[in-house]
Amino acid sequence: MSKKPSKSLAQELDRYITPFRYDGSGKFHLKAHKTDEKGDLDKEKALAILDANKKRLIGFQEKLYAQDRWSLLIVFQAMDAGGKDSAIKAIFEGINPQGCEVTAFKAPSKNELDHDFLWRHAVALPERGHIGIFNRSHYEECLVTRVHPQLLANEKLPSKLLTKNIWNERFEDIAAWERYLCRNGTVVLKFFLNVSREEQRKRFLDRLEEPAKQWKFSMDDIKERALWPRYQAVYQDIVRHTSTPHAPWYVVPADHKWFARVVIGSVINAALEKLDLRFPRADKASVAEFDEVRKALEKEGTGGKKKAK
């Protein structure tokens, strides 16, 4: 009897990928996406998958770096305490830092404000063979600036460009930019860590109660929390307008950090598997040259003398 073909990694992990993927087809309502989803897992099973995914990612990254053709851009967006930092730490533990860089985008500097809104993100893009992680991203420019319209004035745009269409125009610009990146060999993976307001409250309390976590807390977090409904509405608009087949959004249930990490790690590994990454092979001339070098090194190890019988 013939053996059944083995499942690809993408097929194996699909249950943790497809339910959370939105590529712009059909309708999208953020409230329809549960924040406390756990799939068919408990924490113990999830940790086993997370460990397996980390090992896979180490192997994929090594080939990605050696092949030097593709690059990977990973975008993380979330409400405060959504789990971005801890997810990055847990998922990318053990990979070669030489081929990976995390960029955390804070409030733009004066120099950054003197450029177009995508400029500071473009200069932080990963080079070929590398993984780039955006901890917050270009989406802040149609998120925070939309929730706080006064921030838009800091960008010093000509007044006639500040119209009611500016947000749709930015969505168009971002979608076109991401399409351009994909056409030039950058795989774009976008994750919105969808945490509930109640879980955010618990995490804030946890930060306040533990001295080692208090540095993460700011009174601004509470001010932003008061704007929760507005942020949720804007995030829904972002996902609706910037999800495409080449750069979909993954709306990740984030109340259980261990499940969120399973989803994120599974998406990343499945995407890398599709690239068919391979170590470069030496040409025939190099192989022949290597053979001569090998012989010389082996001879050097015996002091140039034949071994006694």
Foldseek 3Di string as FASTA:
>chain_A
DDDDDDDDLCVVLVQLAVVQWDQQPDDDDLVVDAQPDDRPDDLVVLVVLLVVLLVLVQVLLVLQQQVQQAEEEEEEAEAPPLCPVVLCCSNNPPHDVVQEDEDEDDPDDLVCLQDPLCVVVVVQGGGGSHYYYYNHGSCCVLQVCVLVVVVVVSSVDPPVQPDPCNNVVVLVVVLVVLVVSVVRRYQYEYEYRDEDLVLVVVVQVVLVVDPVNVVSDDVVSVVVSVVVVVNSVSVSVSQNRRRRPRYIYGYASRSPPSSSSSSVSSVVSVVSVVVVGDRDDDDPVVVVVVVVVVVVVVCVVVVVDDDDD
